[in-house]
C-alpha atoms as a PDB file:
ATOM      1  CA  MET A   1      51.476  21.331  17.964  1.00  0.00           C
ATOM      2  CA  PHE A   2      50.723  24.295  16.226  1.00  0.00           C
ATOM      3  CA  SER A   3      49.099  27.499  17.358  1.00  0.00           C
ATOM      4  CA  ARG A   4      45.812  28.712  16.316  1.00  0.00           C
ATOM      5  CA  THR A   5      47.230  31.532  14.478  1.00  0.00           C
ATOM      6  CA  ASP A   6      49.714  29.301  13.113  1.00  0.00           C
ATOM      7  CA  LEU A   7      47.141  26.843  11.909  1.00  0.00           C
ATOM      8  CA  ALA A   8      45.183  29.402  10.579  1.00  0.00           C
ATOM      9  CA  GLU A   9      47.693  30.700   8.722  1.00  0.00           C
ATOM     10  CA  VAL A  10      48.810  27.253   7.201  1.00  0.00           C
ATOM     11  CA  ILE A  11      45.058  26.819   6.206  1.00  0.00           C
ATOM     12  CA  GLY A  12      44.728  29.988   4.725  1.00  0.00           C
ATOM     13  CA  GLU A  13      47.803  30.006   2.825  1.00  0.00           C
ATOM     14  CA  ARG A  14      46.670  26.330   1.351  1.00  0.00           C
ATOM     15  CA  THR A  15      42.934  27.554   0.423  1.00  0.00           C
ATOM     16  CA  LEU A  16      43.548  30.738  -1.398  1.00  0.00           C
ATOM     17  CA  ARG A  17      41.840  29.505  -4.450  1.00  0.00           C
ATOM     18  CA  VAL A  18      39.032  27.699  -2.535  1.00  0.00           C
ATOM     19  CA  SER A  19      35.517  29.639  -2.779  1.00  0.00           C
ATOM     20  CA  ASP A  20      33.232  27.379  -1.832  1.00  0.00           C
ATOM     21  CA  LEU A  21      33.563  28.611   2.290  1.00  0.00           C
ATOM     22  CA  LYS A  22      31.086  25.946   3.323  1.00  0.00           C
ATOM     23  CA  LYS A  23      33.222  23.197   1.943  1.00  0.00           C
ATOM     24  CA  LEU A  24      35.794  24.835   3.660  1.00  0.00           C
ATOM     25  CA  GLU A  25      34.517  25.099   7.180  1.00  0.00           C
ATOM     26  CA  LYS A  26      33.521  21.318   6.797  1.00  0.00           C
ATOM     27  CA  ALA A  27      36.879  20.400   5.988  1.00  0.00           C
ATOM     28  CA  VAL A  28      38.372  22.315   9.190  1.00  0.00           C
ATOM     29  CA  ALA A  29      35.235  20.947  11.432  1.00  0.00           C
ATOM     30  CA  ALA A  30      36.668  17.865  10.352  1.00  0.00           C
ATOM     31  CA  PHE A  31      39.880  18.196  11.145  1.00  0.00           C
ATOM     32  CA  LEU A  32      39.138  19.688  14.269  1.00  0.00           C
ATOM     33  CA  LEU A  33      37.202  16.945  15.775  1.00  0.00           C
ATOM     34  CA  SER A  34      39.852  14.589  14.899  1.00  0.00           C
ATOM     35  CA  GLU A  35      41.902  16.455  16.973  1.00  0.00           C
ATOM     36  CA  ASN A  36      39.338  16.834  19.645  1.00  0.00           C
ATOM     37  CA  LYS A  37      39.535  20.805  18.947  1.00  0.00           C
ATOM     38  CA  ALA A  38      35.981  21.030  17.637  1.00  0.00           C
ATOM     39  CA  GLU A  39      35.237  24.051  19.949  1.00  0.00           C
ATOM     40  CA  ASP A  40      38.052  25.995  17.990  1.00  0.00           C
ATOM     41  CA  LEU A  41      35.600  25.955  14.927  1.00  0.00           C
ATOM     42  CA  ASP A  42      35.036  29.574  14.870  1.00  0.00           C
ATOM     43  CA  SER A  43      37.857  31.280  16.206  1.00  0.00           C
ATOM     44  CA  LEU A  44      40.106  28.887  13.571  1.00  0.00           C
ATOM     45  CA  MET A  45      38.243  30.088  10.750  1.00  0.00           C
ATOM     46  CA  ARG A  46      37.442  33.886  11.985  1.00  0.00           C
ATOM     47  CA  ASP A  47      41.527  33.828  11.478  1.00  0.00           C
ATOM     48  CA  VAL A  48      41.119  32.066   8.617  1.00  0.00           C
ATOM     49  CA  MET A  49      39.145  34.585   6.775  1.00  0.00           C
ATOM     50  CA  ARG A  50      41.162  37.271   8.197  1.00  0.00           C
ATOM     51  CA  TYR A  51      44.461  35.691   6.486  1.00  0.00           C
ATOM     52  CA  ARG A  52      42.750  35.184   3.273  1.00  0.00           C
ATOM     53  CA  ALA A  53      41.162  38.907   3.547  1.00  0.00           C
ATOM     54  CA  GLU A  54      45.228  40.294   3.957  1.00  0.00           C
ATOM     55  CA  HIS A  55      45.931  38.341   0.679  1.00  0.00           C
ATOM     56  CA  GLY A  56      43.170  39.346  -1.062  1.00  0.00           C
ATOM     57  CA  LEU A  57      40.321  37.631  -0.731  1.00  0.00           C
ATOM     58  CA  VAL A  58      37.617  39.215   1.115  1.00  0.00           C
ATOM     59  CA  GLU A  59      35.330  36.775   2.151  1.00  0.00           C
ATOM     60  CA  ALA A  60      31.095  37.642   3.572  1.00  0.00           C
ATOM     61  CA  THR A  61      28.235  36.053   4.854  1.00  0.00           C
ATOM     62  CA  VAL A  62      24.815  38.084   4.220  1.00  0.00           C
ATOM     63  CA  VAL A  63      22.428  36.731   6.201  1.00  0.00           C
ATOM     64  CA  SER A  64      18.519  37.587   5.586  1.00  0.00           C
ATOM     65  CA  ALA A  65      14.681  36.836   5.629  1.00  0.00           C
ATOM     66  CA  PHE A  66      14.931  36.058   1.845  1.00  0.00           C
ATOM     67  CA  PRO A  67      16.858  35.286  -0.802  1.00  0.00           C
ATOM     68  CA  LEU A  68      18.810  38.494  -1.539  1.00  0.00           C
ATOM     69  CA  THR A  69      17.941  40.601  -4.911  1.00  0.00           C
ATOM     70  CA  ARG A  70      20.213  41.362  -7.525  1.00  0.00           C
ATOM     71  CA  GLU A  71      20.235  44.771  -6.444  1.00  0.00           C
ATOM     72  CA  VAL A  72      21.166  43.835  -2.782  1.00  0.00           C
ATOM     73  CA  ARG A  73      23.571  41.807  -4.139  1.00  0.00           C
ATOM     74  CA  SER A  74      25.284  44.479  -5.725  1.00  0.00           C
ATOM     75  CA  ASP A  75      25.208  46.760  -3.461  1.00  0.00           C
ATOM     76  CA  VAL A  76      26.804  44.785  -0.336  1.00  0.00           C
ATOM     77  CA  LEU A  77      29.469  44.009  -2.988  1.00  0.00           C
ATOM     78  CA  SER A  78      29.702  47.563  -3.435  1.00  0.00           C
ATOM     79  CA  ALA A  79      30.183  48.232  -0.040  1.00  0.00           C
ATOM     80  CA  LEU A  80      32.812  45.380   0.219  1.00  0.00           C
ATOM     81  CA  LYS A  81      34.746  46.765  -3.004  1.00  0.00           C
ATOM     82  CA  ALA A  82      34.736  50.252  -1.106  1.00  0.00           C
ATOM     83  CA  GLU A  83      35.816  48.884   2.472  1.00  0.00           C
ATOM     84  CA  TYR A  84      38.681  46.828   0.868  1.00  0.00           C
ATOM     85  CA  PRO A  85      39.603  48.525  -2.406  1.00  0.00           C
ATOM     86  CA  THR A  86      42.565  46.512  -2.749  1.00  0.00           C
ATOM     87  CA  ALA A  87      41.232  43.203  -3.065  1.00  0.00           C
ATOM     88  CA  LYS A  88      41.493  40.702  -5.999  1.00  0.00           C
ATOM     89  CA  SER A  89      38.332  39.118  -5.407  1.00  0.00           C
ATOM     90  CA  TYR A  90      35.325  39.182  -3.340  1.00  0.00           C
ATOM     91  CA  HIS A  91      33.035  36.224  -2.132  1.00  0.00           C
ATOM     92  CA  LEU A  92      29.438  36.698  -0.603  1.00  0.00           C
ATOM     93  CA  ASN A  93      28.030  33.340   1.056  1.00  0.00           C
ATOM     94  CA  GLU A  94      24.174  34.058   1.088  1.00  0.00           C
ATOM     95  CA  GLN A  95      22.317  32.559   3.888  1.00  0.00           C
ATOM     96  CA  VAL A  96      17.974  33.053   4.349  1.00  0.00           C
ATOM     97  CA  ASP A  97      17.508  33.072   8.259  1.00  0.00           C
ATOM     98  CA  PRO A  98      13.563  33.446   8.646  1.00  0.00           C
ATOM     99  CA  GLY A  99      14.430  34.561  12.097  1.00  0.00           C
ATOM    100  CA  VAL A 100      15.263  38.221  10.876  1.00  0.00           C
ATOM    101  CA  ILE A 101      12.935  40.331  10.296  1.00  0.00           C
ATOM    102  CA  GLY A 102      14.002  42.601   7.740  1.00  0.00           C
ATOM    103  CA  GLY A 103      17.379  43.961   6.506  1.00  0.00           C
ATOM    104  CA  VAL A 104      20.364  42.226   6.316  1.00  0.00           C
ATOM    105  CA  ARG A 105      23.699  41.220   8.280  1.00  0.00           C
ATOM    106  CA  LEU A 106      26.942  41.293   7.294  1.00  0.00           C
ATOM    107  CA  GLU A 107      29.326  38.771   8.784  1.00  0.00           C
ATOM    108  CA  MET A 108      33.477  39.289   8.013  1.00  0.00           C
ATOM    109  CA  ALA A 109      36.480  37.701   9.336  1.00  0.00           C
ATOM    110  CA  ASN A 110      36.691  40.385  12.628  1.00  0.00           C
ATOM    111  CA  GLU A 111      33.074  42.437  12.188  1.00  0.00           C
ATOM    112  CA  GLU A 112      30.129  42.236  11.772  1.00  0.00           C
ATOM    113  CA  LEU A 113      27.595  44.942  10.494  1.00  0.00           C
ATOM    114  CA  ASP A 114      23.863  44.460  11.119  1.00  0.00           C
ATOM    115  CA  LEU A 115      21.114  46.931   9.383  1.00  0.00           C
ATOM    116  CA  THR A 116      17.864  44.199  10.419  1.00  0.00           C
ATOM    117  CA  VAL A 117      15.664  45.935  11.804  1.00  0.00           C
ATOM    118  CA  ARG A 118      16.074  43.557  15.269  1.00  0.00           C
ATOM    119  CA  GLY A 119      19.588  44.940  14.881  1.00  0.00           C
ATOM    120  CA  LYS A 120      17.987  48.822  14.545  1.00  0.00           C
ATOM    121  CA  LEU A 121      15.193  47.998  17.717  1.00  0.00           C
ATOM    122  CA  ASN A 122      18.258  46.824  20.098  1.00  0.00           C
ATOM    123  CA  THR A 123      20.307  49.619  19.397  1.00  0.00           C
ATOM    124  CA  LEU A 124      17.574  51.970  19.946  1.00  0.00           C
ATOM    125  CA  LYS A 125      16.621  50.298  23.415  1.00  0.00           C
ATOM    126  CA  ARG A 126      20.443  50.572  23.971  1.00  0.00           C
ATOM    127  CA  LEU A 127      20.188  54.292  23.455  1.00  0.00           C
ATOM    128  CA  THR A 128      17.135  54.527  24.833  1.00  0.00           C
ATOM    129  CA  ALA A 129      18.725  52.995  28.205  1.00  0.00           C
ATOM    130  CA  ALA A 130      21.332  54.764  28.632  1.00  0.00           C
ATOM    131  CA  ARG A 131      19.692  58.430  27.932  1.00  0.00           C
ATOM    132  CA  GLU A 132      17.495  57.152  30.990  1.00  0.00           C
ATOM    133  CA  ASN A 133      20.520  56.984  33.375  1.00  0.00           C
END
């Protein structure tokens, strides 16, 4: 049996031209189900996304309360290009989550940038609690 890293590398290599991350995720999930390894989906997909990013395809999921405006989409792409200047292509997966009060959350292979109102309030709460101790 392959290690998760080896499997991610094979999947990543064979899917560098696939731009629909949801379709890729469904195919990987189907494979993992057939192998009774469905619990590995999230970690395997992170490894696949990391492999793809290392090979020039940077993908990010942008979570917001409402569909992104052209301006916000452009700002997010600019931030990705600044963070990964040598990438060959960039792909945004947009996800609407009514639980997001405002702002956006940017999820990538190894990191998350939480610019939501809830995220900022949680950060303020942690800082205030730390200051009180």
